[in-house]
Amino acid sequence: MYAALRSIGSYVPKNILTNHDLEKMVDTTDEWIVKRTGIKERRIADTDEVTSDLGYKAALQAIERSGIKTSDIDMVVCATLSPDYLTMPSTAAMISQKLGIKNVMAFDISAACTGFVYLMSLAKAFIESGTKKNILIIGAEKISSIIDYEDRSTCILFGDGAGAAVICATEDKNEAIVDVLASADGNFGELLITPGCGSVNPIREDNLDQRLQYMKMAGNEVFKVAVKTLTKDVVDILKKNSIEAHDIDMFIPHQANYRIIEAVRSKLDFPLEKCAMTVAKYGNTSSASIPMAMNDLYEEGKIKHGDLMLLDAFGGGFTWGSALVRFAGKNITN
């Protein structure tokens, strides 16, 4: 038994926060942001929209495209660093409730921007073991809820959104998720962190006064490790599976920073037309980044049934991972 990516879907909030809007909020400029990150705008969820709302809307689209019924789904997993609730219930449980899914395993994972690749690994393992048959995976983020809009080092980078996919059991090896490599190293944890509201810095007035509830990042250090790690990870998974770069139909890296994507793309000699690039319009949407980019490509007709995709991500933890995935869904019809 193999695991196949049957469908992809996404949801993008309607509100747009441009670089010019940020110029009025912090000491920055559109020119500086574009030059350093490639980001021009990002989407921001409404005040009354929560992470599970975004994930639910992406999941609806993925299920509709999958060819299976909602009642056929036997596991729901959500990757997020901005959950509905601090500890419980899980965002996956809330998405399940909104979908009308009951009595099915539902849980969250925390792997930051690598979350969707981790989800691929989990779904592959559960299906190949024969434990599950149809798994809904979701990367959903309302990062605006944990961003300090007085901190220009982070507020210019992140946006909100969600992406979802349905992974199904198949006997056809040609449809299978080929391989997933994923890893982590907690030694770099403090370089990209939300320091407050956990057991280290509990919810107390003094910690909130220090704004520890918001994300903090040492940008230059993260950039250096990210480029080196992402490049090595791609080389490793291609070598392990005896696949050459020119065999890849579409390279879909985590959309964090144009300079990071371009550095990895050029080192591996992927042509521009085979590289997803959505960071300019969405910014960094963490675990939602890869499925949102994949969905854009799918809706543009650039991903078709049987295409081999290479996913690559790096995030807080540090976490990182890559995946070789065949698209086993139906071609888009406009």
Protein backbone atom coordinates (compact mmCIF):
# COMPACT_ATOMS: atom_id res chain seq x y z
CA MET A 1 0.00 0.00 0.00
CA TYR A 2 1.23 3.47 -0.90
CA ALA A 3 0.23 7.04 0.04
CA ALA A 4 -0.95 9.36 -2.74
CA LEU A 5 -1.55 13.11 -2.76
CA ARG A 6 -5.10 13.18 -4.12
CA SER A 7 -5.87 16.89 -3.92
CA ILE A 8 -4.76 20.33 -2.84
CA GLY A 9 -6.70 23.38 -1.67
CA SER A 10 -6.09 26.69 0.02
CA TYR A 11 -7.74 29.72 1.56
CA VAL A 12 -6.36 33.25 1.45
CA PRO A 13 -7.87 36.02 3.63
CA LYS A 14 -9.20 39.00 1.70
CA ASN A 15 -7.40 41.76 3.66
CA ILE A 16 -4.11 42.90 2.11
CA LEU A 17 -1.34 44.53 4.18
CA THR A 18 1.13 46.20 1.80
CA ASN A 19 4.66 47.40 2.45
CA HIS A 20 3.35 50.96 2.15
CA ASP A 21 0.89 50.20 4.95
CA LEU A 22 3.80 49.00 7.10
CA GLU A 23 5.71 52.21 6.40
CA LYS A 24 3.05 53.96 8.49
CA MET A 25 3.45 51.48 11.36
CA VAL A 26 7.20 50.92 11.78
CA ASP A 27 10.49 52.44 10.61
CA THR A 28 10.82 50.71 7.25
CA THR A 29 10.31 51.30 3.53
CA ASP A 30 8.80 49.38 0.64
CA GLU A 31 12.15 49.50 -1.16
CA TRP A 32 14.02 48.01 1.79
CA ILE A 33 11.49 45.20 2.34
CA VAL A 34 11.42 44.21 -1.34
CA LYS A 35 15.21 44.29 -1.62
CA ARG A 36 15.79 42.19 1.50
CA THR A 37 12.87 39.76 1.28
CA GLY A 38 11.06 40.02 -2.06
CA ILE A 39 7.78 40.55 -0.18
CA LYS A 40 5.39 43.22 -1.48
CA GLU A 41 2.24 42.37 0.46
CA ARG A 42 0.73 39.78 2.78
CA ARG A 43 -2.81 38.70 3.70
CA ILE A 44 -4.28 39.34 7.15
CA ALA A 45 -7.29 37.50 8.56
CA ASP A 46 -10.29 39.38 9.90
CA THR A 47 -10.43 39.95 13.65
CA ASP A 48 -13.20 37.36 13.99
CA GLU A 49 -11.44 34.79 11.77
CA VAL A 50 -9.42 32.23 13.69
CA THR A 51 -6.87 29.69 12.51
CA SER A 52 -9.39 26.84 12.34
CA ASP A 53 -11.65 28.98 10.13
CA LEU A 54 -8.82 29.37 7.63
CA GLY A 55 -7.97 25.67 7.79
CA TYR A 56 -11.63 24.67 7.44
CA LYS A 57 -12.05 26.68 4.23
CA ALA A 58 -8.86 25.22 2.71
CA ALA A 59 -9.93 21.72 3.77
CA LEU A 60 -13.35 22.11 2.12
CA GLN A 61 -11.69 22.81 -1.21
CA ALA A 62 -9.23 19.92 -0.86
CA ILE A 63 -11.99 17.46 0.04
CA GLU A 64 -14.19 18.62 -2.84
CA ARG A 65 -11.34 18.04 -5.30
CA SER A 66 -10.27 14.69 -3.82
CA GLY A 67 -13.11 12.52 -5.10
CA ILE A 68 -13.87 11.15 -1.63
CA LYS A 69 -16.57 12.06 0.88
CA THR A 70 -15.90 13.88 4.13
CA SER A 71 -17.20 10.76 5.90
CA ASP A 72 -14.35 8.74 4.31
CA ILE A 73 -11.65 10.74 6.15
CA ASP A 74 -10.20 8.73 9.01
CA MET A 75 -7.57 11.14 10.37
CA VAL A 76 -7.12 14.93 10.53
CA VAL A 77 -3.77 16.54 11.34
CA CYS A 78 -3.01 20.25 11.44
CA ALA A 79 0.39 21.92 11.48
CA THR A 80 0.33 25.38 13.05
CA LEU A 81 2.36 27.76 15.21
CA SER A 82 -0.69 29.97 15.77
CA PRO A 83 -3.37 27.58 17.09
CA ASP A 84 -6.88 28.60 18.11
CA TYR A 85 -6.05 27.84 21.74
CA LEU A 86 -2.77 27.74 23.67
CA THR A 87 -3.01 24.12 24.78
CA MET A 88 -6.40 22.60 24.00
CA PRO A 89 -8.55 21.81 22.13
CA SER A 90 -6.38 21.23 19.10
CA THR A 91 -6.95 23.26 15.96
CA ALA A 92 -7.36 19.95 14.09
CA ALA A 93 -10.23 19.06 16.42
CA MET A 94 -11.89 22.41 15.74
CA ILE A 95 -11.48 21.99 11.97
CA SER A 96 -12.97 18.50 12.26
CA GLN A 97 -15.94 19.91 14.17
CA LYS A 98 -16.55 22.53 11.48
CA LEU A 99 -16.37 19.83 8.79
CA GLY A 100 -18.81 17.61 10.68
CA ILE A 101 -16.19 14.90 11.21
CA LYS A 102 -16.73 12.90 14.42
CA ASN A 103 -15.02 9.97 16.13
CA VAL A 104 -11.85 10.38 14.05
CA MET A 105 -8.30 10.94 15.30
CA ALA A 106 -7.46 14.66 15.15
CA PHE A 107 -4.35 16.38 16.48
CA ASP A 108 -1.88 19.22 15.88
CA ILE A 109 1.84 19.17 15.30
CA SER A 110 4.33 21.96 15.99
CA ALA A 111 7.13 22.08 13.42
CA ALA A 112 6.86 25.76 12.41
CA CYS A 113 7.51 26.39 8.71
CA THR A 114 8.41 22.73 8.07
CA GLY A 115 4.99 21.64 9.30
CA PHE A 116 3.54 20.59 5.94
CA VAL A 117 6.53 18.39 5.12
CA TYR A 118 6.21 16.77 8.57
CA LEU A 119 2.53 16.16 7.80
CA MET A 120 3.50 14.40 4.56
CA SER A 121 5.81 12.11 6.53
CA LEU A 122 3.11 11.30 9.09
CA ALA A 123 0.43 10.63 6.47
CA LYS A 124 2.79 8.42 4.47
CA ALA A 125 3.67 6.37 7.54
CA PHE A 126 0.07 5.92 8.74
CA ILE A 127 -1.14 4.85 5.30
CA GLU A 128 1.77 2.54 4.45
CA SER A 129 1.33 0.80 7.81
CA GLY A 130 -2.29 0.09 6.93
CA THR A 131 -3.55 2.07 9.93
CA LYS A 132 -5.39 4.78 7.94
CA LYS A 133 -6.75 5.15 4.40
CA ASN A 134 -7.76 8.80 3.86
CA ILE A 135 -5.95 11.51 5.77
CA LEU A 136 -6.68 15.23 5.72
CA ILE A 137 -3.59 17.34 6.37
CA ILE A 138 -3.73 21.09 6.92
CA GLY A 139 -1.20 23.86 7.34
CA ALA A 140 -3.09 26.82 8.82
CA GLU A 141 -1.78 30.06 10.27
CA LYS A 142 -3.11 33.29 11.72
CA ILE A 143 0.39 34.54 12.40
CA SER A 144 -0.88 38.12 12.73
CA SER A 145 -2.15 37.02 16.15
CA ILE A 146 1.39 36.42 17.44
CA ILE A 147 3.23 39.22 15.62
CA ASP A 148 4.38 42.40 17.33
CA TYR A 149 3.55 45.17 14.89
CA GLU A 150 6.11 47.37 16.65
CA ASP A 151 8.91 44.93 15.75
CA ARG A 152 10.04 45.63 12.19
CA SER A 153 12.27 42.54 12.10
CA THR A 154 9.22 40.24 12.13
CA CYS A 155 6.08 42.19 11.20
CA ILE A 156 7.26 42.76 7.61
CA LEU A 157 7.70 39.04 6.96
CA PHE A 158 4.58 37.15 7.96
CA GLY A 159 1.02 36.76 6.73
CA ASP A 160 -2.04 34.58 7.28
CA GLY A 161 -3.49 31.74 5.22
CA ALA A 162 -4.11 28.01 5.00
CA GLY A 163 -3.48 25.08 2.70
CA ALA A 164 -4.81 21.53 2.85
CA ALA A 165 -4.38 18.22 1.08
CA VAL A 166 -6.02 14.81 1.10
CA ILE A 167 -3.64 11.86 1.22
CA CYS A 168 -5.19 8.52 0.23
CA ALA A 169 -4.13 4.89 0.13
CA THR A 170 -3.36 3.49 -3.32
CA GLU A 171 -1.94 0.32 -4.80
CA ASP A 172 -0.42 2.25 -7.70
CA LYS A 173 3.24 2.95 -6.99
CA ASN A 174 3.30 5.52 -9.79
CA GLU A 175 0.98 7.72 -7.71
CA ALA A 176 2.95 7.42 -4.50
CA ILE A 177 4.66 9.95 -2.29
CA VAL A 178 8.19 8.85 -3.15
CA ASP A 179 10.10 9.88 -0.02
CA VAL A 180 10.18 12.35 2.86
CA LEU A 181 13.22 13.43 4.86
CA ALA A 182 12.65 15.51 8.00
CA SER A 183 14.79 16.50 10.95
CA ALA A 184 15.34 19.02 13.75
CA ASP A 185 18.02 20.55 15.96
CA GLY A 186 16.93 22.29 19.16
CA ASN A 187 20.37 23.86 19.63
CA PHE A 188 19.18 26.72 17.41
CA GLY A 189 15.85 27.14 19.20
CA GLU A 190 16.43 30.63 20.54
CA LEU A 191 17.12 32.10 17.08
CA LEU A 192 13.45 31.82 16.07
CA ILE A 193 11.12 31.63 19.03
CA THR A 194 7.90 32.70 20.69
CA PRO A 195 9.36 32.97 24.21
CA GLY A 196 6.26 33.66 26.26
CA CYS A 197 3.10 31.92 27.46
CA GLY A 198 4.70 28.49 27.91
CA SER A 199 6.22 26.90 31.01
CA VAL A 200 9.52 28.80 30.60
CA ASN A 201 7.89 32.23 30.67
CA PRO A 202 4.34 31.68 31.96
CA ILE A 203 1.45 34.05 31.37
CA ARG A 204 2.29 36.71 33.93
CA GLU A 205 2.05 40.47 33.77
CA ASP A 206 5.83 41.00 33.78
CA ASN A 207 6.32 38.61 30.83
CA LEU A 208 3.50 40.24 28.89
CA ASP A 209 5.00 43.68 29.61
CA GLN A 210 8.21 42.43 27.94
CA ARG A 211 6.06 41.38 24.94
CA LEU A 212 7.30 37.80 25.21
CA GLN A 213 4.01 36.54 23.78
CA TYR A 214 5.19 37.63 20.33
CA MET A 215 7.53 35.93 17.87
CA LYS A 216 11.22 36.90 18.01
CA MET A 217 13.83 36.20 15.32
CA ALA A 218 17.54 36.69 14.78
CA GLY A 219 17.16 37.20 11.03
CA ASN A 220 20.77 37.13 9.81
CA GLU A 221 21.64 33.97 11.73
CA VAL A 222 18.48 32.20 10.56
CA PHE A 223 19.18 33.17 6.94
CA LYS A 224 22.69 31.67 6.97
CA VAL A 225 21.63 28.33 8.46
CA ALA A 226 18.52 28.14 6.25
CA VAL A 227 20.36 28.44 2.92
CA LYS A 228 22.98 25.85 3.89
CA THR A 229 20.46 23.39 5.35
CA LEU A 230 17.86 23.66 2.59
CA THR A 231 20.45 23.10 -0.13
CA LYS A 232 21.94 20.06 1.59
CA ASP A 233 18.50 18.60 2.28
CA VAL A 234 17.52 18.76 -1.40
CA VAL A 235 20.83 17.24 -2.51
CA ASP A 236 20.39 14.42 0.02
CA ILE A 237 16.85 13.41 -0.99
CA LEU A 238 17.65 13.51 -4.71
CA LYS A 239 20.78 11.42 -4.22
CA LYS A 240 19.01 8.92 -1.96
CA ASN A 241 16.34 8.33 -4.60
CA SER A 242 18.67 8.46 -7.64
CA ILE A 243 16.78 11.41 -9.09
CA GLU A 244 18.37 14.30 -10.97
CA ALA A 245 17.29 17.93 -10.68
CA HIS A 246 16.07 17.91 -14.30
CA ASP A 247 13.65 15.07 -13.41
CA ILE A 248 11.70 17.42 -11.13
CA ASP A 249 8.60 18.98 -12.69
CA MET A 250 8.17 21.62 -9.98
CA PHE A 251 10.33 22.76 -7.07
CA ILE A 252 8.13 24.12 -4.26
CA PRO A 253 10.26 25.59 -1.45
CA HIS A 254 8.93 27.21 1.70
CA GLN A 255 8.08 30.82 0.82
CA ALA A 256 10.01 32.74 3.48
CA ASN A 257 12.34 35.05 1.64
CA TYR A 258 13.12 35.53 -2.05
CA ARG A 259 16.87 35.60 -1.40
CA ILE A 260 16.76 32.22 0.37
CA ILE A 261 14.69 30.65 -2.41
CA GLU A 262 16.92 32.09 -5.11
CA ALA A 263 20.11 30.97 -3.35
CA VAL A 264 18.87 27.37 -3.13
CA ARG A 265 17.39 27.39 -6.66
CA SER A 266 20.57 28.68 -8.28
CA LYS A 267 22.87 26.31 -6.38
CA LEU A 268 20.79 23.36 -7.56
CA ASP A 269 20.28 24.80 -11.05
CA PHE A 270 16.48 24.63 -11.07
CA PRO A 271 15.10 26.78 -13.92
CA LEU A 272 12.91 29.71 -12.85
CA GLU A 273 9.86 28.31 -14.61
CA LYS A 274 10.07 25.18 -12.43
CA CYS A 275 10.31 27.06 -9.13
CA ALA A 276 7.29 28.21 -7.11
CA MET A 277 7.52 31.86 -6.11
CA THR A 278 4.55 33.28 -4.17
CA VAL A 279 6.41 35.09 -1.38
CA ALA A 280 5.84 38.50 -3.00
CA LYS A 281 2.06 38.35 -2.57
CA TYR A 282 1.66 36.24 0.58
CA GLY A 283 4.83 36.74 2.61
CA ASN A 284 5.81 33.93 4.97
CA THR A 285 2.74 31.91 6.00
CA SER A 286 4.78 29.26 7.83
CA SER A 287 3.14 25.79 7.66
CA ALA A 288 0.62 27.07 5.09
CA SER A 289 3.29 28.33 2.71
CA ILE A 290 3.99 25.19 0.67
CA PRO A 291 0.37 24.05 0.20
CA MET A 292 -0.70 27.62 -0.69
CA ALA A 293 2.06 27.80 -3.31
CA MET A 294 1.16 24.34 -4.60
CA ASN A 295 -2.49 25.32 -4.91
CA ASP A 296 -1.63 28.46 -6.89
CA LEU A 297 0.42 26.37 -9.31
CA TYR A 298 -2.37 23.80 -9.58
CA GLU A 299 -5.01 26.44 -10.34
CA GLU A 300 -2.71 27.95 -12.97
CA GLY A 301 -2.46 24.53 -14.67
CA LYS A 302 1.26 24.23 -13.88
CA ILE A 303 0.85 21.04 -11.84
CA LYS A 304 -0.79 18.07 -13.53
CA HIS A 305 -1.52 14.46 -12.70
CA GLY A 306 1.71 12.47 -12.47
CA ASP A 307 4.02 15.47 -12.05
CA LEU A 308 6.92 15.01 -9.64
CA MET A 309 7.20 17.81 -7.08
CA LEU A 310 10.09 18.53 -4.76
CA LEU A 311 9.11 20.24 -1.50
CA ASP A 312 11.70 21.86 0.76
CA ALA A 313 11.20 23.72 4.05
CA PHE A 314 13.04 25.18 7.03
CA GLY A 315 11.60 26.63 10.22
CA GLY A 316 11.84 27.40 13.91
CA GLY A 317 13.12 24.64 16.14
CA PHE A 318 15.16 24.49 13.97
CA THR A 319 13.22 22.05 11.82
CA TRP A 320 13.74 21.18 8.18
CA GLY A 321 12.57 18.66 5.64
CA SER A 322 12.13 17.77 1.98
CA ALA A 323 9.70 15.55 0.12
CA LEU A 324 9.45 13.98 -3.34
CA VAL A 325 5.75 13.84 -4.16
CA ARG A 326 3.81 12.74 -7.23
CA PHE A 327 0.63 14.70 -7.85
CA ALA A 328 -2.11 12.05 -7.97
CA GLY A 329 -5.09 14.37 -8.30
CA LYS A 330 -7.22 15.32 -11.26
CA ASN A 331 -6.06 18.05 -13.60
CA ILE A 332 -7.69 21.43 -13.05
CA THR A 333 -10.57 22.30 -15.35
CA ASN A 334 -11.33 25.97 -15.87
